[in-house]
């Protein structure tokens, strides 16, 4: 997407770029080492104590839809985001 925007600006300004695209091989933060199935590990390893409405403290679990969202949105940083939540 960034490459498309830069290319449009180059065409619009009738510019001559000094070099080719340098971002086509770069990963965004959290992408390096990410696996599409990593959400399952996140859901299984999530440990959080929570209070029930009755005041009892029990172990909390992460819903697989939530872990899938976090994994797809934050990649390898999903565990850090879950720890903050």
N, C-alpha and C. Protein backbone atom coordinates (compact mmCIF):
# COMPACT_ATOMS: atom_id res chain seq x y z
N UNK A 1 0.82 -1.18 0.00
CA UNK A 1 0.00 0.00 0.00
C UNK A 1 0.87 1.26 0.00
N UNK A 2 1.91 1.28 0.80
CA UNK A 2 2.80 2.43 0.83
C UNK A 2 3.49 2.60 -0.51
N UNK A 3 3.87 1.48 -1.12
CA UNK A 3 4.53 1.54 -2.42
C UNK A 3 3.60 2.15 -3.46
N UNK A 4 2.32 1.79 -3.41
CA UNK A 4 1.35 2.34 -4.35
C UNK A 4 1.21 3.85 -4.18
N UNK A 5 1.18 4.32 -2.93
CA UNK A 5 1.05 5.75 -2.66
C UNK A 5 2.28 6.51 -3.16
N UNK A 6 3.46 5.97 -2.91
CA UNK A 6 4.69 6.62 -3.37
C UNK A 6 4.75 6.63 -4.89
N UNK A 7 4.37 5.52 -5.52
CA UNK A 7 4.37 5.46 -6.98
C UNK A 7 3.40 6.48 -7.57
N UNK A 8 2.23 6.65 -6.95
CA UNK A 8 1.26 7.64 -7.42
C UNK A 8 1.83 9.05 -7.29
N UNK A 9 2.52 9.32 -6.18
CA UNK A 9 3.13 10.65 -5.99
C UNK A 9 4.23 10.89 -7.02
N UNK A 10 5.00 9.87 -7.33
CA UNK A 10 6.06 9.99 -8.34
C UNK A 10 5.46 10.30 -9.70
N UNK A 11 4.39 9.58 -10.05
CA UNK A 11 3.73 9.84 -11.34
C UNK A 11 3.11 11.23 -11.37
N UNK A 12 2.44 11.59 -10.28
CA UNK A 12 1.76 12.89 -10.21
C UNK A 12 2.74 14.05 -10.31
N UNK A 13 3.87 13.91 -9.65
CA UNK A 13 4.87 14.98 -9.66
C UNK A 13 5.85 14.87 -10.80
N UNK A 14 5.67 13.85 -11.64
CA UNK A 14 6.56 13.63 -12.78
C UNK A 14 8.02 13.56 -12.30
N UNK A 15 8.23 12.79 -11.22
CA UNK A 15 9.54 12.69 -10.59
C UNK A 15 10.31 11.48 -11.11
N UNK A 16 11.60 11.50 -10.87
CA UNK A 16 12.46 10.37 -11.23
C UNK A 16 13.09 9.83 -9.93
N UNK A 17 12.63 8.67 -9.46
CA UNK A 17 13.14 8.14 -8.20
C UNK A 17 14.61 7.73 -8.30
N UNK A 18 15.33 7.91 -7.19
CA UNK A 18 16.75 7.56 -7.15
C UNK A 18 16.96 6.05 -7.06
N UNK A 19 15.97 5.34 -6.49
CA UNK A 19 16.09 3.88 -6.37
C UNK A 19 14.70 3.25 -6.38
N UNK A 20 14.66 1.93 -6.37
CA UNK A 20 13.39 1.22 -6.36
C UNK A 20 12.80 1.14 -4.96
N UNK A 21 11.74 0.41 -4.86
CA UNK A 21 11.04 0.24 -3.58
C UNK A 21 11.96 -0.45 -2.57
N UNK A 22 12.02 0.10 -1.37
CA UNK A 22 12.87 -0.49 -0.33
C UNK A 22 12.03 -1.15 0.77
N UNK A 23 10.71 -1.05 0.69
CA UNK A 23 9.86 -1.61 1.74
C UNK A 23 9.27 -2.97 1.40
N UNK A 24 9.46 -3.43 0.17
CA UNK A 24 8.80 -4.68 -0.23
C UNK A 24 9.31 -5.90 0.53
N UNK A 25 10.45 -5.83 1.16
CA UNK A 25 11.00 -6.96 1.90
C UNK A 25 10.95 -6.76 3.42
N UNK A 26 10.39 -5.65 3.88
CA UNK A 26 10.34 -5.36 5.31
C UNK A 26 9.05 -5.92 5.93
N UNK A 27 9.16 -6.41 7.15
CA UNK A 27 7.99 -6.89 7.90
C UNK A 27 7.54 -5.79 8.85
N UNK A 28 6.23 -5.70 9.07
CA UNK A 28 5.74 -4.77 10.08
C UNK A 28 6.00 -5.37 11.46
N UNK A 29 5.93 -4.55 12.49
CA UNK A 29 6.19 -5.00 13.85
C UNK A 29 5.21 -6.12 14.21
N UNK A 30 5.73 -7.22 14.71
CA UNK A 30 4.91 -8.36 15.09
C UNK A 30 4.74 -9.40 14.01
N UNK A 31 5.22 -9.11 12.80
CA UNK A 31 5.03 -10.05 11.68
C UNK A 31 6.11 -11.12 11.63
N UNK A 32 7.32 -10.80 12.04
CA UNK A 32 8.42 -11.75 11.93
C UNK A 32 8.19 -12.94 12.87
N UNK A 33 8.15 -14.13 12.32
CA UNK A 33 7.95 -15.33 13.12
C UNK A 33 6.50 -15.66 13.39
N UNK A 34 5.57 -14.86 12.86
CA UNK A 34 4.15 -15.11 13.09
C UNK A 34 3.68 -16.33 12.32
N UNK A 35 2.81 -17.10 12.94
CA UNK A 35 2.23 -18.29 12.32
C UNK A 35 0.71 -18.16 12.41
N UNK A 36 -0.03 -18.44 11.34
CA UNK A 36 -1.49 -18.31 11.38
C UNK A 36 -2.15 -19.15 12.48
N UNK A 37 -1.49 -20.20 12.93
CA UNK A 37 -2.06 -21.04 13.99
C UNK A 37 -1.63 -20.59 15.38
N UNK A 38 -0.91 -19.50 15.49
CA UNK A 38 -0.39 -19.07 16.80
C UNK A 38 -1.50 -18.66 17.76
N UNK A 39 -2.68 -18.37 17.25
CA UNK A 39 -3.77 -17.99 18.15
C UNK A 39 -4.14 -19.14 19.08
N UNK A 40 -3.94 -20.38 18.64
CA UNK A 40 -4.26 -21.52 19.51
C UNK A 40 -3.32 -21.58 20.71
N UNK A 41 -2.07 -21.29 20.48
CA UNK A 41 -1.09 -21.26 21.57
C UNK A 41 -1.43 -20.13 22.54
N UNK A 42 -1.82 -18.99 22.00
CA UNK A 42 -2.19 -17.85 22.84
C UNK A 42 -3.37 -18.22 23.74
N UNK A 43 -4.40 -18.83 23.17
CA UNK A 43 -5.58 -19.20 23.95
C UNK A 43 -5.24 -20.25 25.01
N UNK A 44 -4.38 -21.19 24.69
CA UNK A 44 -4.02 -22.25 25.64
C UNK A 44 -3.12 -21.74 26.76
N UNK A 45 -2.25 -20.79 26.47
CA UNK A 45 -1.29 -20.31 27.46
C UNK A 45 -1.79 -19.13 28.28
N UNK A 46 -2.92 -18.59 27.92
CA UNK A 46 -3.44 -17.41 28.62
C UNK A 46 -3.84 -17.79 30.04
N UNK A 47 -3.26 -17.14 31.00
CA UNK A 47 -3.58 -17.39 32.41
C UNK A 47 -3.92 -16.05 33.07
N UNK A 48 -5.11 -15.97 33.57
CA UNK A 48 -5.53 -14.75 34.26
C UNK A 48 -6.56 -15.14 35.31
N UNK A 49 -6.38 -14.66 36.49
CA UNK A 49 -7.36 -14.91 37.54
C UNK A 49 -8.43 -13.84 37.45
N UNK A 50 -9.69 -14.24 37.64
CA UNK A 50 -10.77 -13.27 37.57
C UNK A 50 -11.77 -13.56 38.68
N UNK A 51 -12.57 -12.54 38.99
CA UNK A 51 -13.60 -12.69 40.01
C UNK A 51 -14.94 -12.97 39.34
N UNK A 52 -15.68 -13.90 39.93
CA UNK A 52 -17.03 -14.16 39.45
C UNK A 52 -17.96 -13.12 40.07
N UNK A 53 -19.21 -13.14 39.64
CA UNK A 53 -20.18 -12.20 40.22
C UNK A 53 -20.38 -12.46 41.71
N UNK A 54 -20.15 -13.69 42.13
CA UNK A 54 -20.27 -14.03 43.55
C UNK A 54 -19.03 -13.67 44.36
N UNK A 55 -17.98 -13.16 43.70
CA UNK A 55 -16.77 -12.76 44.40
C UNK A 55 -15.70 -13.84 44.48
N UNK A 56 -15.98 -15.02 43.95
CA UNK A 56 -15.01 -16.11 43.97
C UNK A 56 -13.95 -15.86 42.90
N UNK A 57 -12.68 -16.14 43.23
CA UNK A 57 -11.58 -15.97 42.28
C UNK A 57 -11.34 -17.30 41.57
N UNK A 58 -11.42 -17.27 40.24
CA UNK A 58 -11.24 -18.48 39.44
C UNK A 58 -10.29 -18.19 38.27
N UNK A 59 -9.68 -19.23 37.69
CA UNK A 59 -8.83 -19.00 36.51
C UNK A 59 -9.68 -18.59 35.32
N UNK A 60 -9.20 -17.60 34.59
CA UNK A 60 -9.91 -17.14 33.40
C UNK A 60 -9.34 -17.78 32.16
N UNK A 61 -10.17 -17.91 31.15
CA UNK A 61 -9.74 -18.48 29.87
C UNK A 61 -9.99 -17.45 28.77
N UNK A 62 -9.24 -17.56 27.70
CA UNK A 62 -9.42 -16.66 26.57
C UNK A 62 -10.22 -17.37 25.49
N UNK A 63 -11.26 -16.72 25.03
CA UNK A 63 -12.07 -17.24 23.95
C UNK A 63 -11.22 -17.34 22.68
N UNK A 64 -11.46 -18.38 21.89
CA UNK A 64 -10.64 -18.57 20.68
C UNK A 64 -10.84 -17.46 19.67
N UNK A 65 -12.04 -16.86 19.61
CA UNK A 65 -12.27 -15.75 18.69
C UNK A 65 -11.43 -14.54 19.09
N UNK A 66 -11.30 -14.32 20.39
CA UNK A 66 -10.48 -13.20 20.89
C UNK A 66 -9.01 -13.46 20.60
N UNK A 67 -8.55 -14.68 20.87
CA UNK A 67 -7.14 -14.98 20.61
C UNK A 67 -6.83 -14.90 19.12
N UNK A 68 -7.77 -15.28 18.28
CA UNK A 68 -7.56 -15.19 16.83
C UNK A 68 -7.46 -13.73 16.40
N UNK A 69 -8.34 -12.89 16.95
CA UNK A 69 -8.29 -11.46 16.63
C UNK A 69 -6.96 -10.85 17.06
N UNK A 70 -6.55 -11.12 18.29
CA UNK A 70 -5.29 -10.57 18.79
C UNK A 70 -4.11 -11.04 17.96
N UNK A 71 -4.10 -12.30 17.61
CA UNK A 71 -3.01 -12.85 16.81
C UNK A 71 -2.95 -12.22 15.43
N UNK A 72 -4.09 -12.05 14.80
CA UNK A 72 -4.11 -11.47 13.45
C UNK A 72 -3.83 -9.97 13.47
N UNK A 73 -4.23 -9.30 14.54
CA UNK A 73 -4.02 -7.85 14.62
C UNK A 73 -2.62 -7.48 15.09
N UNK A 74 -2.06 -8.25 16.02
CA UNK A 74 -0.79 -7.88 16.65
C UNK A 74 0.35 -8.87 16.39
N UNK A 75 0.08 -9.96 15.70
CA UNK A 75 1.13 -10.92 15.37
C UNK A 75 1.80 -11.49 16.59
N UNK A 76 3.12 -11.49 16.57
CA UNK A 76 3.88 -12.07 17.67
C UNK A 76 3.80 -11.24 18.95
N UNK A 77 3.22 -10.06 18.87
CA UNK A 77 3.06 -9.21 20.05
C UNK A 77 1.72 -9.44 20.75
N UNK A 78 0.92 -10.39 20.27
CA UNK A 78 -0.41 -10.64 20.82
C UNK A 78 -0.36 -11.01 22.30
N UNK A 79 0.65 -11.77 22.71
CA UNK A 79 0.75 -12.14 24.12
C UNK A 79 0.96 -10.92 25.00
N UNK A 80 1.74 -9.97 24.54
CA UNK A 80 1.96 -8.73 25.31
C UNK A 80 0.67 -7.94 25.43
N UNK A 81 -0.08 -7.87 24.34
CA UNK A 81 -1.35 -7.15 24.36
C UNK A 81 -2.33 -7.83 25.31
N UNK A 82 -2.38 -9.16 25.28
CA UNK A 82 -3.26 -9.91 26.17
C UNK A 82 -2.88 -9.68 27.63
N UNK A 83 -1.61 -9.56 27.91
CA UNK A 83 -1.15 -9.34 29.29
C UNK A 83 -1.59 -7.97 29.81
N UNK A 84 -1.71 -7.02 28.92
CA UNK A 84 -2.13 -5.67 29.31
C UNK A 84 -3.63 -5.64 29.59
N UNK A 85 -4.39 -6.41 28.82
CA UNK A 85 -5.85 -6.38 28.90
C UNK A 85 -6.37 -6.86 30.24
